[in-house]
Amino acid sequence: MIGIPGLLVILVIVVVIFGAGKLPEIGSGLGKGIRNFKDAVKSEEAKKIEDTKPPEEK
């Protein structure tokens, strides 16, 4: 796992590359991407569960 010092180094590199003004946009985009990924995983899990049910329960 990455510790606190590693996260700070990554944060400094991101600020240097993109600038402080772009951080909110980057964070928002990253959050939306993670949310979409979680929704897709949940959807696939629900589909798998539905597919494994016996025909009389569908």
PDB file of N, CA and C in Angstrom:
ATOM      1  N   MET A   1       0.839  -1.195   0.000  1.00  0.00           N
ATOM      2  CA  MET A   1       0.000   0.000   0.000  1.00  0.00           C
ATOM      3  C   MET A   1       0.879   1.251   0.000  1.00  0.00           C
ATOM      4  N   ILE A   2       0.268   2.331  -0.407  1.00  0.00           N
ATOM      5  CA  ILE A   2       0.974   3.614  -0.429  1.00  0.00           C
ATOM      6  C   ILE A   2       0.715   4.312   0.895  1.00  0.00           C
ATOM      7  N   GLY A   3       1.778   4.759   1.529  1.00  0.00           N
ATOM      8  CA  GLY A   3       1.638   5.469   2.794  1.00  0.00           C
ATOM      9  C   GLY A   3       1.422   6.955   2.581  1.00  0.00           C
ATOM     10  N   ILE A   4       1.371   7.669   3.688  1.00  0.00           N
ATOM     11  CA  ILE A   4       1.162   9.120   3.647  1.00  0.00           C
ATOM     12  C   ILE A   4       2.274   9.828   2.860  1.00  0.00           C
ATOM     13  N   PRO A   5       3.552   9.497   3.077  1.00  0.00           N
ATOM     14  CA  PRO A   5       4.591  10.180   2.293  1.00  0.00           C
ATOM     15  C   PRO A   5       4.441   9.960   0.781  1.00  0.00           C
ATOM     16  N   GLY A   6       4.062   8.758   0.396  1.00  0.00           N
ATOM     17  CA  GLY A   6       3.863   8.475  -1.025  1.00  0.00           C
ATOM     18  C   GLY A   6       2.717   9.283  -1.602  1.00  0.00           C
ATOM     19  N   LEU A   7       1.629   9.400  -0.844  1.00  0.00           N
ATOM     20  CA  LEU A   7       0.490  10.198  -1.313  1.00  0.00           C
ATOM     21  C   LEU A   7       0.860  11.674  -1.444  1.00  0.00           C
ATOM     22  N   LEU A   8       1.654  12.170  -0.513  1.00  0.00           N
ATOM     23  CA  LEU A   8       2.074  13.568  -0.595  1.00  0.00           C
ATOM     24  C   LEU A   8       2.947  13.811  -1.822  1.00  0.00           C
ATOM     25  N   VAL A   9       3.831  12.895  -2.129  1.00  0.00           N
ATOM     26  CA  VAL A   9       4.677  13.030  -3.320  1.00  0.00           C
ATOM     27  C   VAL A   9       3.810  13.043  -4.576  1.00  0.00           C
ATOM     28  N   ILE A  10       2.836  12.145  -4.650  1.00  0.00           N
ATOM     29  CA  ILE A  10       1.936  12.103  -5.809  1.00  0.00           C
ATOM     30  C   ILE A  10       1.148  13.403  -5.916  1.00  0.00           C
ATOM     31  N   LEU A  11       0.653  13.916  -4.796  1.00  0.00           N
ATOM     32  CA  LEU A  11      -0.104  15.167  -4.806  1.00  0.00           C
ATOM     33  C   LEU A  11       0.752  16.322  -5.310  1.00  0.00           C
ATOM     34  N   VAL A  12       1.991  16.413  -4.854  1.00  0.00           N
ATOM     35  CA  VAL A  12       2.885  17.480  -5.301  1.00  0.00           C
ATOM     36  C   VAL A  12       3.144  17.368  -6.802  1.00  0.00           C
ATOM     37  N   ILE A  13       3.359  16.166  -7.282  1.00  0.00           N
ATOM     38  CA  ILE A  13       3.593  15.979  -8.724  1.00  0.00           C
ATOM     39  C   ILE A  13       2.374  16.403  -9.532  1.00  0.00           C
ATOM     40  N   VAL A  14       1.179  16.029  -9.067  1.00  0.00           N
ATOM     41  CA  VAL A  14      -0.060  16.404  -9.770  1.00  0.00           C
ATOM     42  C   VAL A  14      -0.226  17.917  -9.790  1.00  0.00           C
ATOM     43  N   VAL A  15       0.051  18.589  -8.669  1.00  0.00           N
ATOM     44  CA  VAL A  15      -0.077  20.049  -8.619  1.00  0.00           C
ATOM     45  C   VAL A  15       0.926  20.699  -9.558  1.00  0.00           C
ATOM     46  N   VAL A  16       2.133  20.180  -9.622  1.00  0.00           N
ATOM     47  CA  VAL A  16       3.142  20.755 -10.509  1.00  0.00           C
ATOM     48  C   VAL A  16       2.739  20.571 -11.971  1.00  0.00           C
ATOM     49  N   ILE A  17       2.216  19.400 -12.316  1.00  0.00           N
ATOM     50  CA  ILE A  17       1.877  19.115 -13.707  1.00  0.00           C
ATOM     51  C   ILE A  17       0.632  19.883 -14.148  1.00  0.00           C
ATOM     52  N   PHE A  18      -0.428  19.831 -13.358  1.00  0.00           N
ATOM     53  CA  PHE A  18      -1.708  20.398 -13.784  1.00  0.00           C
ATOM     54  C   PHE A  18      -1.984  21.786 -13.226  1.00  0.00           C
ATOM     55  N   GLY A  19      -1.359  22.171 -12.159  1.00  0.00           N
ATOM     56  CA  GLY A  19      -1.628  23.450 -11.537  1.00  0.00           C
ATOM     57  C   GLY A  19      -2.769  23.338 -10.543  1.00  0.00           C
ATOM     58  N   ALA A  20      -2.791  24.217  -9.564  1.00  0.00           N
ATOM     59  CA  ALA A  20      -3.784  24.151  -8.490  1.00  0.00           C
ATOM     60  C   ALA A  20      -5.199  24.413  -9.005  1.00  0.00           C
ATOM     61  N   GLY A  21      -5.338  25.192 -10.071  1.00  0.00           N
ATOM     62  CA  GLY A  21      -6.662  25.538 -10.589  1.00  0.00           C
ATOM     63  C   GLY A  21      -7.399  24.357 -11.203  1.00  0.00           C
ATOM     64  N   LYS A  22      -6.673  23.381 -11.681  1.00  0.00           N
ATOM     65  CA  LYS A  22      -7.294  22.224 -12.341  1.00  0.00           C
ATOM     66  C   LYS A  22      -7.646  21.105 -11.366  1.00  0.00           C
ATOM     67  N   LEU A  23      -7.180  21.167 -10.127  1.00  0.00           N
ATOM     68  CA  LEU A  23      -7.416  20.079  -9.170  1.00  0.00           C
ATOM     69  C   LEU A  23      -8.897  19.769  -8.950  1.00  0.00           C
ATOM     70  N   PRO A  24      -9.776  20.774  -8.799  1.00  0.00           N
ATOM     71  CA  PRO A  24     -11.197  20.438  -8.625  1.00  0.00           C
ATOM     72  C   PRO A  24     -11.792  19.681  -9.824  1.00  0.00           C
ATOM     73  N   GLU A  25     -11.383  20.074 -11.025  1.00  0.00           N
ATOM     74  CA  GLU A  25     -11.869  19.379 -12.219  1.00  0.00           C
ATOM     75  C   GLU A  25     -11.366  17.943 -12.265  1.00  0.00           C
ATOM     76  N   ILE A  26     -10.114  17.751 -11.922  1.00  0.00           N
ATOM     77  CA  ILE A  26      -9.535  16.406 -11.915  1.00  0.00           C
ATOM     78  C   ILE A  26     -10.231  15.549 -10.867  1.00  0.00           C
ATOM     79  N   GLY A  27     -10.436  16.098  -9.680  1.00  0.00           N
ATOM     80  CA  GLY A  27     -11.118  15.365  -8.612  1.00  0.00           C
ATOM     81  C   GLY A  27     -12.540  15.000  -8.993  1.00  0.00           C
ATOM     82  N   SER A  28     -13.241  15.934  -9.603  1.00  0.00           N
ATOM     83  CA  SER A  28     -14.618  15.675 -10.029  1.00  0.00           C
ATOM     84  C   SER A  28     -14.669  14.570 -11.071  1.00  0.00           C
ATOM     85  N   GLY A  29     -13.788  14.646 -12.038  1.00  0.00           N
ATOM     86  CA  GLY A  29     -13.745  13.614 -13.081  1.00  0.00           C
ATOM     87  C   GLY A  29     -13.393  12.253 -12.518  1.00  0.00           C
ATOM     88  N   LEU A  30     -12.448  12.224 -11.594  1.00  0.00           N
ATOM     89  CA  LEU A  30     -12.056  10.966 -10.963  1.00  0.00           C
ATOM     90  C   LEU A  30     -13.208  10.388 -10.152  1.00  0.00           C
ATOM     91  N   GLY A  31     -13.906  11.241  -9.415  1.00  0.00           N
ATOM     92  CA  GLY A  31     -15.054  10.783  -8.628  1.00  0.00           C
ATOM     93  C   GLY A  31     -16.163  10.214  -9.503  1.00  0.00           C
ATOM     94  N   LYS A  32     -16.444  10.880 -10.614  1.00  0.00           N
ATOM     95  CA  LYS A  32     -17.473  10.385 -11.538  1.00  0.00           C
ATOM     96  C   LYS A  32     -17.065   9.045 -12.140  1.00  0.00           C
ATOM     97  N   GLY A  33     -15.787   8.916 -12.467  1.00  0.00           N
ATOM     98  CA  GLY A  33     -15.303   7.656 -13.026  1.00  0.00           C
ATOM     99  C   GLY A  33     -15.431   6.505 -12.035  1.00  0.00           C
ATOM    100  N   ILE A  34     -15.075   6.750 -10.789  1.00  0.00           N
ATOM    101  CA  ILE A  34     -15.192   5.714  -9.753  1.00  0.00           C
ATOM    102  C   ILE A  34     -16.653   5.358  -9.532  1.00  0.00           C
ATOM    103  N   ARG A  35     -17.521   6.363  -9.496  1.00  0.00           N
ATOM    104  CA  ARG A  35     -18.955   6.121  -9.293  1.00  0.00           C
ATOM    105  C   ARG A  35     -19.529   5.287 -10.437  1.00  0.00           C
ATOM    106  N   ASN A  36     -19.160   5.607 -11.667  1.00  0.00           N
ATOM    107  CA  ASN A  36     -19.641   4.839 -12.815  1.00  0.00           C
ATOM    108  C   ASN A  36     -19.147   3.402 -12.767  1.00  0.00           C
ATOM    109  N   PHE A  37     -17.896   3.222 -12.350  1.00  0.00           N
ATOM    110  CA  PHE A  37     -17.338   1.872 -12.234  1.00  0.00           C
ATOM    111  C   PHE A  37     -18.101   1.060 -11.187  1.00  0.00           C
ATOM    112  N   LYS A  38     -18.375   1.671 -10.033  1.00  0.00           N
ATOM    113  CA  LYS A  38     -19.122   0.973  -8.975  1.00  0.00           C
ATOM    114  C   LYS A  38     -20.523   0.605  -9.459  1.00  0.00           C
ATOM    115  N   ASP A  39     -21.181   1.527 -10.145  1.00  0.00           N
ATOM    116  CA  ASP A  39     -22.525   1.247 -10.668  1.00  0.00           C
ATOM    117  C   ASP A  39     -22.498   0.096 -11.666  1.00  0.00           C
ATOM    118  N   ALA A  40     -21.482   0.055 -12.513  1.00  0.00           N
ATOM    119  CA  ALA A  40     -21.375  -1.019 -13.495  1.00  0.00           C
ATOM    120  C   ALA A  40     -21.137  -2.364 -12.811  1.00  0.00           C
ATOM    121  N   VAL A  41     -20.315  -2.375 -11.776  1.00  0.00           N
ATOM    122  CA  VAL A  41     -20.046  -3.617 -11.045  1.00  0.00           C
ATOM    123  C   VAL A  41     -21.321  -4.102 -10.361  1.00  0.00           C
ATOM    124  N   LYS A  42     -22.057  -3.189  -9.730  1.00  0.00           N
ATOM    125  CA  LYS A  42     -23.312  -3.572  -9.076  1.00  0.00           C
ATOM    126  C   LYS A  42     -24.315  -4.115 -10.094  1.00  0.00           C
ATOM    127  N   SER A  43     -24.381  -3.497 -11.255  1.00  0.00           N
ATOM    128  CA  SER A  43     -25.294  -3.932 -12.297  1.00  0.00           C
ATOM    129  C   SER A  43     -24.949  -5.342 -12.768  1.00  0.00           C
ATOM    130  N   GLU A  44     -23.656  -5.597 -12.954  1.00  0.00           N
ATOM    131  CA  GLU A  44     -23.221  -6.929 -13.383  1.00  0.00           C
ATOM    132  C   GLU A  44     -23.518  -7.976 -12.311  1.00  0.00           C
ATOM    133  N   GLU A  45     -23.316  -7.624 -11.036  1.00  0.00           N
ATOM    134  CA  GLU A  45     -23.605  -8.558  -9.951  1.00  0.00           C
ATOM    135  C   GLU A  45     -25.097  -8.875  -9.902  1.00  0.00           C
ATOM    136  N   ALA A  46     -25.938  -7.858 -10.072  1.00  0.00           N
ATOM    137  CA  ALA A  46     -27.382  -8.073 -10.062  1.00  0.00           C
ATOM    138  C   ALA A  46     -27.791  -8.963 -11.235  1.00  0.00           C
ATOM    139  N   LYS A  47     -27.164  -8.760 -12.380  1.00  0.00           N
ATOM    140  CA  LYS A  47     -27.468  -9.570 -13.555  1.00  0.00           C
ATOM    141  C   LYS A  47     -27.059 -11.025 -13.327  1.00  0.00           C
ATOM    142  N   LYS A  48     -25.883 -11.245 -12.716  1.00  0.00           N
ATOM    143  CA  LYS A  48     -25.437 -12.608 -12.417  1.00  0.00           C
ATOM    144  C   LYS A  48     -26.402 -13.300 -11.464  1.00  0.00           C
ATOM    145  N   ILE A  49     -26.820 -12.589 -10.430  1.00  0.00           N
ATOM    146  CA  ILE A  49     -27.749 -13.164  -9.454  1.00  0.00           C
ATOM    147  C   ILE A  49     -29.062 -13.508 -10.137  1.00  0.00           C
ATOM    148  N   GLU A  50     -29.560 -12.617 -10.980  1.00  0.00           N
ATOM    149  CA  GLU A  50     -30.818 -12.849 -11.684  1.00  0.00           C
ATOM    150  C   GLU A  50     -30.706 -14.065 -12.617  1.00  0.00           C
ATOM    151  N   ASP A  51     -29.554 -14.221 -13.261  1.00  0.00           N
ATOM    152  CA  ASP A  51     -29.345 -15.320 -14.187  1.00  0.00           C
ATOM    153  C   ASP A  51     -29.245 -16.669 -13.481  1.00  0.00           C
ATOM    154  N   THR A  52     -28.848 -16.686 -12.210  1.00  0.00           N
ATOM    155  CA  THR A  52     -28.684 -17.941 -11.495  1.00  0.00           C
ATOM    156  C   THR A  52     -29.948 -18.388 -10.775  1.00  0.00           C
ATOM    157  N   LYS A  53     -30.979 -17.563 -10.763  1.00  0.00           N
ATOM    158  CA  LYS A  53     -32.224 -17.942 -10.105  1.00  0.00           C
ATOM    159  C   LYS A  53     -32.938 -19.027 -10.927  1.00  0.00           C
ATOM    160  N   PRO A  54     -33.631 -19.917 -10.258  1.00  0.00           N
ATOM    161  CA  PRO A  54     -34.429 -20.911 -10.989  1.00  0.00           C
ATOM    162  C   PRO A  54     -35.532 -20.207 -11.793  1.00  0.00           C
ATOM    163  N   PRO A  55     -35.991 -20.815 -12.888  1.00  0.00           N
ATOM    164  CA  PRO A  55     -36.977 -20.178 -13.766  1.00  0.00           C
ATOM    165  C   PRO A  55     -38.271 -19.764 -13.059  1.00  0.00           C
ATOM    166  N   GLU A  56     -38.733 -20.511 -12.057  1.00  0.00           N
ATOM    167  CA  GLU A  56     -40.002 -20.171 -11.414  1.00  0.00           C
ATOM    168  C   GLU A  56     -39.906 -18.913 -10.564  1.00  0.00           C
ATOM    169  N   GLU A  57     -38.692 -18.483 -10.189  1.00  0.00           N
ATOM    170  CA  GLU A  57     -38.543 -17.273  -9.373  1.00  0.00           C
ATOM    171  C   GLU A  57     -38.365 -16.015 -10.226  1.00  0.00           C
ATOM    172  N   LYS A  58     -38.156 -16.151 -11.500  1.00  0.00           N
ATOM    173  CA  LYS A  58     -37.932 -14.973 -12.370  1.00  0.00           C
ATOM    174  C   LYS A  58     -39.208 -14.251 -12.653  1.00  0.00           C
TER     175      LYS A  58
END
